[in-house]
Amino acid sequence: MLYKDTSLLSSVGVMELMLFSKNLTTTTGNITPYICAAPYYLVVTIPLIHVVAKVEHRLAKRGKR
């Protein structure tokens, strides 16, 4: 359940970030918003991936008992 909720939150955040970047790109005619959105996305998602992996690992250990 945690994994699914995290995935949903991540996809909503990415959709909003990309929509905002698209609007800025359309307004300014510059691709810089996309370039700025990419590192922000990575900064948010990479730690989240590690946290979810640790939680899954702990749950797997608990399930083997």
PDB file of N, CA and C in Angstrom:
ATOM      1  N   MET A   1       0.829  -1.191   0.000  1.00  0.00           N
ATOM      2  CA  MET A   1       0.000   0.000   0.000  1.00  0.00           C
ATOM      3  C   MET A   1       0.871   1.251   0.000  1.00  0.00           C
ATOM      4  N   LEU A   2       1.920   1.246   0.806  1.00  0.00           N
ATOM      5  CA  LEU A   2       2.825   2.393   0.870  1.00  0.00           C
ATOM      6  C   LEU A   2       3.451   2.640  -0.498  1.00  0.00           C
ATOM      7  N   TYR A   3       3.855   1.572  -1.154  1.00  0.00           N
ATOM      8  CA  TYR A   3       4.485   1.696  -2.475  1.00  0.00           C
ATOM      9  C   TYR A   3       3.519   2.313  -3.476  1.00  0.00           C
ATOM     10  N   LYS A   4       2.271   1.886  -3.469  1.00  0.00           N
ATOM     11  CA  LYS A   4       1.276   2.420  -4.399  1.00  0.00           C
ATOM     12  C   LYS A   4       0.982   3.883  -4.113  1.00  0.00           C
ATOM     13  N   ASP A   5       0.855   4.252  -2.829  1.00  0.00           N
ATOM     14  CA  ASP A   5       0.592   5.648  -2.478  1.00  0.00           C
ATOM     15  C   ASP A   5       1.769   6.536  -2.861  1.00  0.00           C
ATOM     16  N   THR A   6       2.969   6.042  -2.651  1.00  0.00           N
ATOM     17  CA  THR A   6       4.158   6.798  -3.020  1.00  0.00           C
ATOM     18  C   THR A   6       4.212   7.004  -4.524  1.00  0.00           C
ATOM     19  N   SER A   7       3.888   5.970  -5.255  1.00  0.00           N
ATOM     20  CA  SER A   7       3.881   6.061  -6.710  1.00  0.00           C
ATOM     21  C   SER A   7       2.847   7.073  -7.189  1.00  0.00           C
ATOM     22  N   LEU A   8       1.681   7.052  -6.586  1.00  0.00           N
ATOM     23  CA  LEU A   8       0.630   7.997  -6.959  1.00  0.00           C
ATOM     24  C   LEU A   8       1.063   9.419  -6.659  1.00  0.00           C
ATOM     25  N   LEU A   9       1.620   9.626  -5.493  1.00  0.00           N
ATOM     26  CA  LEU A   9       2.093  10.959  -5.123  1.00  0.00           C
ATOM     27  C   LEU A   9       3.188  11.419  -6.071  1.00  0.00           C
ATOM     28  N   SER A  10       4.079  10.533  -6.414  1.00  0.00           N
ATOM     29  CA  SER A  10       5.168  10.867  -7.322  1.00  0.00           C
ATOM     30  C   SER A  10       4.642  11.237  -8.697  1.00  0.00           C
ATOM     31  N   SER A  11       3.674  10.479  -9.205  1.00  0.00           N
ATOM     32  CA  SER A  11       3.155  10.776 -10.535  1.00  0.00           C
ATOM     33  C   SER A  11       2.367  12.082 -10.554  1.00  0.00           C
ATOM     34  N   VAL A  12       1.634  12.384  -9.493  1.00  0.00           N
ATOM     35  CA  VAL A  12       0.908  13.649  -9.432  1.00  0.00           C
ATOM     36  C   VAL A  12       1.900  14.800  -9.385  1.00  0.00           C
ATOM     37  N   GLY A  13       2.951  14.673  -8.583  1.00  0.00           N
ATOM     38  CA  GLY A  13       3.970  15.714  -8.505  1.00  0.00           C
ATOM     39  C   GLY A  13       4.672  15.932  -9.829  1.00  0.00           C
ATOM     40  N   VAL A  14       4.968  14.843 -10.530  1.00  0.00           N
ATOM     41  CA  VAL A  14       5.632  14.941 -11.822  1.00  0.00           C
ATOM     42  C   VAL A  14       4.704  15.588 -12.840  1.00  0.00           C
ATOM     43  N   MET A  15       3.437  15.212 -12.808  1.00  0.00           N
ATOM     44  CA  MET A  15       2.486  15.802 -13.763  1.00  0.00           C
ATOM     45  C   MET A  15       2.375  17.307 -13.548  1.00  0.00           C
ATOM     46  N   GLU A  16       2.291  17.733 -12.287  1.00  0.00           N
ATOM     47  CA  GLU A  16       2.198  19.162 -11.998  1.00  0.00           C
ATOM     48  C   GLU A  16       3.476  19.888 -12.395  1.00  0.00           C
ATOM     49  N   LEU A  17       4.611  19.287 -12.109  1.00  0.00           N
ATOM     50  CA  LEU A  17       5.888  19.887 -12.462  1.00  0.00           C
ATOM     51  C   LEU A  17       6.022  20.028 -13.971  1.00  0.00           C
ATOM     52  N   MET A  18       5.655  19.002 -14.701  1.00  0.00           N
ATOM     53  CA  MET A  18       5.759  19.063 -16.157  1.00  0.00           C
ATOM     54  C   MET A  18       4.750  20.041 -16.751  1.00  0.00           C
ATOM     55  N   LEU A  19       3.557  20.116 -16.191  1.00  0.00           N
ATOM     56  CA  LEU A  19       2.565  21.074 -16.675  1.00  0.00           C
ATOM     57  C   LEU A  19       3.054  22.498 -16.461  1.00  0.00           C
ATOM     58  N   PHE A  20       3.608  22.769 -15.290  1.00  0.00           N
ATOM     59  CA  PHE A  20       4.151  24.098 -15.005  1.00  0.00           C
ATOM     60  C   PHE A  20       5.296  24.426 -15.961  1.00  0.00           C
ATOM     61  N   SER A  21       6.177  23.453 -16.202  1.00  0.00           N
ATOM     62  CA  SER A  21       7.294  23.655 -17.129  1.00  0.00           C
ATOM     63  C   SER A  21       6.794  23.899 -18.544  1.00  0.00           C
ATOM     64  N   LYS A  22       5.776  23.140 -18.935  1.00  0.00           N
ATOM     65  CA  LYS A  22       5.213  23.317 -20.276  1.00  0.00           C
ATOM     66  C   LYS A  22       4.613  24.712 -20.435  1.00  0.00           C
ATOM     67  N   ASN A  23       3.895  25.170 -19.414  1.00  0.00           N
ATOM     68  CA  ASN A  23       3.310  26.516 -19.478  1.00  0.00           C
ATOM     69  C   ASN A  23       4.387  27.585 -19.577  1.00  0.00           C
ATOM     70  N   LEU A  24       5.434  27.453 -18.792  1.00  0.00           N
ATOM     71  CA  LEU A  24       6.523  28.432 -18.865  1.00  0.00           C
ATOM     72  C   LEU A  24       7.230  28.382 -20.219  1.00  0.00           C
ATOM     73  N   THR A  25       7.437  27.184 -20.735  1.00  0.00           N
ATOM     74  CA  THR A  25       8.084  27.048 -22.040  1.00  0.00           C
ATOM     75  C   THR A  25       7.227  27.666 -23.137  1.00  0.00           C
ATOM     76  N   THR A  26       5.930  27.457 -23.066  1.00  0.00           N
ATOM     77  CA  THR A  26       5.021  28.045 -24.055  1.00  0.00           C
ATOM     78  C   THR A  26       5.037  29.569 -23.969  1.00  0.00           C
ATOM     79  N   THR A  27       5.060  30.084 -22.752  1.00  0.00           N
ATOM     80  CA  THR A  27       5.039  31.536 -22.553  1.00  0.00           C
ATOM     81  C   THR A  27       6.338  32.188 -22.993  1.00  0.00           C
ATOM     82  N   THR A  28       7.461  31.597 -22.603  1.00  0.00           N
ATOM     83  CA  THR A  28       8.754  32.227 -22.864  1.00  0.00           C
ATOM     84  C   THR A  28       9.407  31.766 -24.159  1.00  0.00           C
ATOM     85  N   GLY A  29       9.043  30.598 -24.657  1.00  0.00           N
ATOM     86  CA  GLY A  29       9.675  30.063 -25.863  1.00  0.00           C
ATOM     87  C   GLY A  29      11.062  29.506 -25.589  1.00  0.00           C
ATOM     88  N   ASN A  30      11.355  29.216 -24.331  1.00  0.00           N
ATOM     89  CA  ASN A  30      12.666  28.734 -23.918  1.00  0.00           C
ATOM     90  C   ASN A  30      12.493  27.370 -23.240  1.00  0.00           C
ATOM     91  N   ILE A  31      13.452  26.459 -23.433  1.00  0.00           N
ATOM     92  CA  ILE A  31      13.333  25.122 -22.832  1.00  0.00           C
ATOM     93  C   ILE A  31      13.965  25.039 -21.438  1.00  0.00           C
ATOM     94  N   THR A  32      14.427  26.141 -20.918  1.00  0.00           N
ATOM     95  CA  THR A  32      15.058  26.156 -19.599  1.00  0.00           C
ATOM     96  C   THR A  32      14.168  25.581 -18.496  1.00  0.00           C
ATOM     97  N   PRO A  33      12.847  25.830 -18.488  1.00  0.00           N
ATOM     98  CA  PRO A  33      12.029  25.209 -17.436  1.00  0.00           C
ATOM     99  C   PRO A  33      12.109  23.680 -17.421  1.00  0.00           C
ATOM    100  N   TYR A  34      12.210  23.067 -18.580  1.00  0.00           N
ATOM    101  CA  TYR A  34      12.356  21.608 -18.624  1.00  0.00           C
ATOM    102  C   TYR A  34      13.710  21.189 -18.051  1.00  0.00           C
ATOM    103  N   ILE A  35      14.737  21.955 -18.363  1.00  0.00           N
ATOM    104  CA  ILE A  35      16.073  21.643 -17.865  1.00  0.00           C
ATOM    105  C   ILE A  35      16.120  21.803 -16.344  1.00  0.00           C
ATOM    106  N   CYS A  36      15.424  22.782 -15.807  1.00  0.00           N
ATOM    107  CA  CYS A  36      15.372  22.988 -14.354  1.00  0.00           C
ATOM    108  C   CYS A  36      14.489  21.951 -13.669  1.00  0.00           C
ATOM    109  N   ALA A  37      13.468  21.477 -14.339  1.00  0.00           N
ATOM    110  CA  ALA A  37      12.556  20.492 -13.754  1.00  0.00           C
ATOM    111  C   ALA A  37      13.225  19.126 -13.610  1.00  0.00           C
ATOM    112  N   ALA A  38      14.120  18.787 -14.511  1.00  0.00           N
ATOM    113  CA  ALA A  38      14.754  17.467 -14.484  1.00  0.00           C
ATOM    114  C   ALA A  38      15.566  17.228 -13.208  1.00  0.00           C
ATOM    115  N   PRO A  39      16.481  18.119 -12.816  1.00  0.00           N
ATOM    116  CA  PRO A  39      17.212  17.869 -11.561  1.00  0.00           C
ATOM    117  C   PRO A  39      16.299  17.882 -10.337  1.00  0.00           C
ATOM    118  N   TYR A  40      15.300  18.742 -10.334  1.00  0.00           N
ATOM    119  CA  TYR A  40      14.364  18.777  -9.204  1.00  0.00           C
ATOM    120  C   TYR A  40      13.651  17.430  -9.085  1.00  0.00           C
ATOM    121  N   TYR A  41      13.218  16.894 -10.205  1.00  0.00           N
ATOM    122  CA  TYR A  41      12.559  15.587 -10.208  1.00  0.00           C
ATOM    123  C   TYR A  41      13.488  14.511  -9.641  1.00  0.00           C
ATOM    124  N   LEU A  42      14.747  14.522 -10.065  1.00  0.00           N
ATOM    125  CA  LEU A  42      15.705  13.533  -9.578  1.00  0.00           C
ATOM    126  C   LEU A  42      15.983  13.696  -8.085  1.00  0.00           C
ATOM    127  N   VAL A  43      16.080  14.930  -7.623  1.00  0.00           N
ATOM    128  CA  VAL A  43      16.333  15.184  -6.202  1.00  0.00           C
ATOM    129  C   VAL A  43      15.177  14.667  -5.350  1.00  0.00           C
ATOM    130  N   VAL A  44      13.986  14.741  -5.868  1.00  0.00           N
ATOM    131  CA  VAL A  44      12.820  14.281  -5.117  1.00  0.00           C
ATOM    132  C   VAL A  44      12.667  12.769  -5.197  1.00  0.00           C
ATOM    133  N   THR A  45      12.828  12.192  -6.356  1.00  0.00           N
ATOM    134  CA  THR A  45      12.509  10.777  -6.542  1.00  0.00           C
ATOM    135  C   THR A  45      13.603   9.803  -6.111  1.00  0.00           C
ATOM    136  N   ILE A  46      14.864  10.140  -6.277  1.00  0.00           N
ATOM    137  CA  ILE A  46      15.931   9.190  -5.939  1.00  0.00           C
ATOM    138  C   ILE A  46      15.926   8.844  -4.453  1.00  0.00           C
ATOM    139  N   PRO A  47      15.865   9.820  -3.535  1.00  0.00           N
ATOM    140  CA  PRO A  47      15.766   9.430  -2.117  1.00  0.00           C
ATOM    141  C   PRO A  47      14.494   8.646  -1.815  1.00  0.00           C
ATOM    142  N   LEU A  48      13.420   8.993  -2.483  1.00  0.00           N
ATOM    143  CA  LEU A  48      12.162   8.289  -2.284  1.00  0.00           C
ATOM    144  C   LEU A  48      12.280   6.828  -2.707  1.00  0.00           C
ATOM    145  N   ILE A  49      12.980   6.559  -3.768  1.00  0.00           N
ATOM    146  CA  ILE A  49      13.207   5.191  -4.229  1.00  0.00           C
ATOM    147  C   ILE A  49      13.973   4.397  -3.169  1.00  0.00           C
ATOM    148  N   HIS A  50      14.989   5.011  -2.573  1.00  0.00           N
ATOM    149  CA  HIS A  50      15.783   4.326  -1.551  1.00  0.00           C
ATOM    150  C   HIS A  50      14.953   4.048  -0.292  1.00  0.00           C
ATOM    151  N   VAL A  51      14.133   4.992   0.099  1.00  0.00           N
ATOM    152  CA  VAL A  51      13.289   4.799   1.284  1.00  0.00           C
ATOM    153  C   VAL A  51      12.311   3.655   1.056  1.00  0.00           C
ATOM    154  N   VAL A  52      11.673   3.636  -0.090  1.00  0.00           N
ATOM    155  CA  VAL A  52      10.704   2.573  -0.393  1.00  0.00           C
ATOM    156  C   VAL A  52      11.396   1.218  -0.459  1.00  0.00           C
ATOM    157  N   ALA A  53      12.605   1.165  -1.010  1.00  0.00           N
ATOM    158  CA  ALA A  53      13.343  -0.102  -1.081  1.00  0.00           C
ATOM    159  C   ALA A  53      13.670  -0.622   0.319  1.00  0.00           C
ATOM    160  N   LYS A  54      14.055   0.278   1.229  1.00  0.00           N
ATOM    161  CA  LYS A  54      14.353  -0.146   2.599  1.00  0.00           C
ATOM    162  C   LYS A  54      13.101  -0.648   3.311  1.00  0.00           C
ATOM    163  N   VAL A  55      11.989   0.036   3.110  1.00  0.00           N
ATOM    164  CA  VAL A  55      10.733  -0.394   3.732  1.00  0.00           C
ATOM    165  C   VAL A  55      10.314  -1.754   3.195  1.00  0.00           C
ATOM    166  N   GLU A  56      10.419  -1.940   1.897  1.00  0.00           N
ATOM    167  CA  GLU A  56      10.066  -3.235   1.304  1.00  0.00           C
ATOM    168  C   GLU A  56      10.973  -4.339   1.843  1.00  0.00           C
ATOM    169  N   HIS A  57      12.251  -4.040   1.987  1.00  0.00           N
ATOM    170  CA  HIS A  57      13.195  -5.032   2.503  1.00  0.00           C
ATOM    171  C   HIS A  57      12.835  -5.427   3.940  1.00  0.00           C
ATOM    172  N   ARG A  58      12.494  -4.448   4.770  1.00  0.00           N
ATOM    173  CA  ARG A  58      12.097  -4.739   6.151  1.00  0.00           C
ATOM    174  C   ARG A  58      10.806  -5.544   6.204  1.00  0.00           C
ATOM    175  N   LEU A  59       9.872  -5.200   5.347  1.00  0.00           N
ATOM    176  CA  LEU A  59       8.604  -5.942   5.319  1.00  0.00           C
ATOM    177  C   LEU A  59       8.825  -7.376   4.837  1.00  0.00           C
ATOM    178  N   ALA A  60       9.739  -7.552   3.906  1.00  0.00           N
ATOM    179  CA  ALA A  60      10.030  -8.901   3.421  1.00  0.00           C
ATOM    180  C   ALA A  60      10.658  -9.738   4.523  1.00  0.00           C
ATOM    181  N   LYS A  61      11.554  -9.133   5.311  1.00  0.00           N
ATOM    182  CA  LYS A  61      12.160  -9.854   6.435  1.00  0.00           C
ATOM    183  C   LYS A  61      11.120 -10.226   7.468  1.00  0.00           C
ATOM    184  N   ARG A  62      10.217  -9.308   7.743  1.00  0.00           N
ATOM    185  CA  ARG A  62       9.159  -9.538   8.738  1.00  0.00           C
ATOM    186  C   ARG A  62       8.215 -10.642   8.257  1.00  0.00           C
ATOM    187  N   GLY A  63       7.962 -10.725   6.968  1.00  0.00           N
ATOM    188  CA  GLY A  63       7.066 -11.733   6.427  1.00  0.00           C
ATOM    189  C   GLY A  63       7.650 -13.135   6.448  1.00  0.00           C
ATOM    190  N   LYS A  64       8.972 -13.268   6.486  1.00  0.00           N
ATOM    191  CA  LYS A  64       9.617 -14.590   6.494  1.00  0.00           C
ATOM    192  C   LYS A  64       9.572 -15.248   7.861  1.00  0.00           C
ATOM    193  N   ARG A  65       9.296 -14.490   8.901  1.00  0.00           N
ATOM    194  CA  ARG A  65       9.279 -15.060  10.254  1.00  0.00           C
ATOM    195  C   ARG A  65       8.132 -15.978  10.468  1.00  0.00           C
TER     196      ARG A  65
END
